[in-house]
């Protein structure tokens, strides 16, 4: 989970994280190049106004984010994996830059290097 001081408290003692992170590392079989992609699964908007009596876990929204962003939010360090993250790469001259947060609704929307 992405733990935050402002996470909701459930039953007066349990913090309910609104977000979870994941990093997937794979090798592109066509190019042999390593690719590392980061994801945040967020339920923040869906639980912000829920009382304890009404709380029911809902679906998470998934976003592809830079590994650097996950490091910022968790305090972790993934070292050289950042070099293989397509969302960390600077745009080549004349190319369209990739947004830092990509909503993912299907596998076709994932940005790979």
Protein backbone atom coordinates (compact mmCIF):
# COMPACT_ATOMS: atom_id res chain seq x y z
CA UNK A 1 0.00 0.00 0.00
CA UNK A 2 0.83 3.68 -0.27
CA UNK A 3 0.52 4.66 3.39
CA UNK A 4 -0.46 8.25 4.19
CA UNK A 5 -1.09 10.06 7.45
CA UNK A 6 -4.51 11.13 6.19
CA UNK A 7 -5.76 7.60 5.33
CA UNK A 8 -9.23 6.96 6.75
CA UNK A 9 -9.48 5.16 10.10
CA UNK A 10 -11.80 2.13 10.18
CA UNK A 11 -13.19 0.92 13.52
CA UNK A 12 -11.06 3.44 15.37
CA UNK A 13 -7.78 1.61 14.75
CA UNK A 14 -7.21 0.38 11.19
CA UNK A 15 -5.94 2.75 8.49
CA UNK A 16 -7.51 2.13 5.07
CA UNK A 17 -4.98 2.88 2.34
CA UNK A 18 -6.53 4.52 -0.71
CA UNK A 19 -3.75 3.48 -3.06
CA UNK A 20 -1.56 0.49 -3.78
CA UNK A 21 1.50 0.36 -6.04
CA UNK A 22 2.96 -2.27 -8.33
CA UNK A 23 6.02 -2.40 -10.57
CA UNK A 24 6.25 -4.89 -13.42
CA UNK A 25 9.61 -5.67 -15.04
CA UNK A 26 9.81 -7.61 -18.29
CA UNK A 27 11.99 -8.18 -21.31
CA UNK A 28 10.64 -7.28 -24.75
CA UNK A 29 11.09 -10.52 -26.68
CA UNK A 30 11.40 -8.64 -30.00
CA UNK A 31 14.13 -6.21 -28.91
CA UNK A 32 15.64 -7.94 -25.87
CA UNK A 33 15.26 -4.59 -24.04
CA UNK A 34 14.20 -4.42 -20.41
CA UNK A 35 11.01 -2.49 -19.61
CA UNK A 36 9.88 -1.46 -16.12
CA UNK A 37 6.41 -0.02 -15.67
CA UNK A 38 4.85 1.38 -12.52
CA UNK A 39 1.20 1.39 -11.51
CA UNK A 40 -0.94 2.98 -8.83
CA UNK A 41 -4.27 1.36 -8.04
CA UNK A 42 -6.39 4.05 -6.46
CA UNK A 43 -9.65 3.97 -4.60
CA UNK A 44 -9.24 7.48 -3.18
CA UNK A 45 -12.19 9.13 -4.90
CA UNK A 46 -14.44 6.20 -4.09
CA UNK A 47 -13.95 6.10 -0.30
CA UNK A 48 -13.41 9.74 0.62
CA UNK A 49 -16.90 10.35 2.07
CA UNK A 50 -17.74 6.88 3.38
CA UNK A 51 -18.70 6.33 7.00
CA UNK A 52 -17.70 3.21 8.91
CA UNK A 53 -21.25 1.81 8.74
CA UNK A 54 -21.45 2.24 4.97
CA UNK A 55 -17.91 1.15 4.06
CA UNK A 56 -17.69 -1.47 1.33
CA UNK A 57 -14.59 -1.95 -0.79
CA UNK A 58 -15.20 -0.90 -4.38
CA UNK A 59 -13.30 -1.26 -7.60
CA UNK A 60 -9.93 0.36 -7.91
CA UNK A 61 -8.91 2.61 -10.79
CA UNK A 62 -5.55 1.74 -12.30
CA UNK A 63 -3.04 4.32 -13.52
CA UNK A 64 0.35 3.82 -15.08
CA UNK A 65 2.75 6.22 -13.38
CA UNK A 66 6.48 6.75 -13.44
CA UNK A 67 8.58 4.66 -11.09
CA UNK A 68 10.00 7.95 -9.80
CA UNK A 69 6.48 8.95 -8.73
CA UNK A 70 6.05 5.68 -6.80
CA UNK A 71 9.40 6.34 -5.12
CA UNK A 72 8.21 9.84 -4.11
CA UNK A 73 4.99 8.55 -2.58
CA UNK A 74 6.44 5.52 -0.78
CA UNK A 75 9.96 6.61 0.21
CA UNK A 76 11.37 3.52 -1.55
CA UNK A 77 14.28 3.54 -4.02
CA UNK A 78 14.14 1.30 -7.09
CA UNK A 79 17.56 2.44 -8.34
CA UNK A 80 18.35 1.56 -11.95
CA UNK A 81 14.79 0.44 -12.77
CA UNK A 82 13.98 4.12 -13.45
CA UNK A 83 16.24 3.94 -16.53
CA UNK A 84 13.92 1.35 -18.09
CA UNK A 85 10.66 3.19 -17.37
CA UNK A 86 9.04 4.60 -20.54
CA UNK A 87 7.31 7.31 -18.48
CA UNK A 88 10.67 8.50 -17.15
CA UNK A 89 12.26 8.82 -20.58
CA UNK A 90 12.58 12.33 -22.02
CA UNK A 91 10.68 12.78 -25.28
CA UNK A 92 12.86 12.63 -28.38
CA UNK A 93 13.01 15.81 -30.43
CA UNK A 94 9.79 16.21 -32.39
CA UNK A 95 8.09 13.32 -30.58
CA UNK A 96 4.93 13.64 -28.55
CA UNK A 97 5.76 13.41 -24.86
CA UNK A 98 4.13 10.69 -22.77
CA UNK A 99 1.97 11.94 -19.89
CA UNK A 100 3.24 11.14 -16.37
CA UNK A 101 -0.07 9.50 -15.39
CA UNK A 102 -1.89 7.22 -17.83
CA UNK A 103 -5.35 5.88 -16.87
CA UNK A 104 -5.45 2.17 -17.73
CA UNK A 105 -8.74 0.57 -18.71
CA UNK A 106 -7.27 -2.18 -20.91
CA UNK A 107 -3.88 -3.72 -21.62
CA UNK A 108 -3.65 -1.81 -24.91
CA UNK A 109 -3.26 1.46 -23.01
CA UNK A 110 -0.04 0.44 -21.22
CA UNK A 111 3.04 2.37 -22.38
CA UNK A 112 6.10 0.11 -22.88
CA UNK A 113 9.62 1.08 -23.86
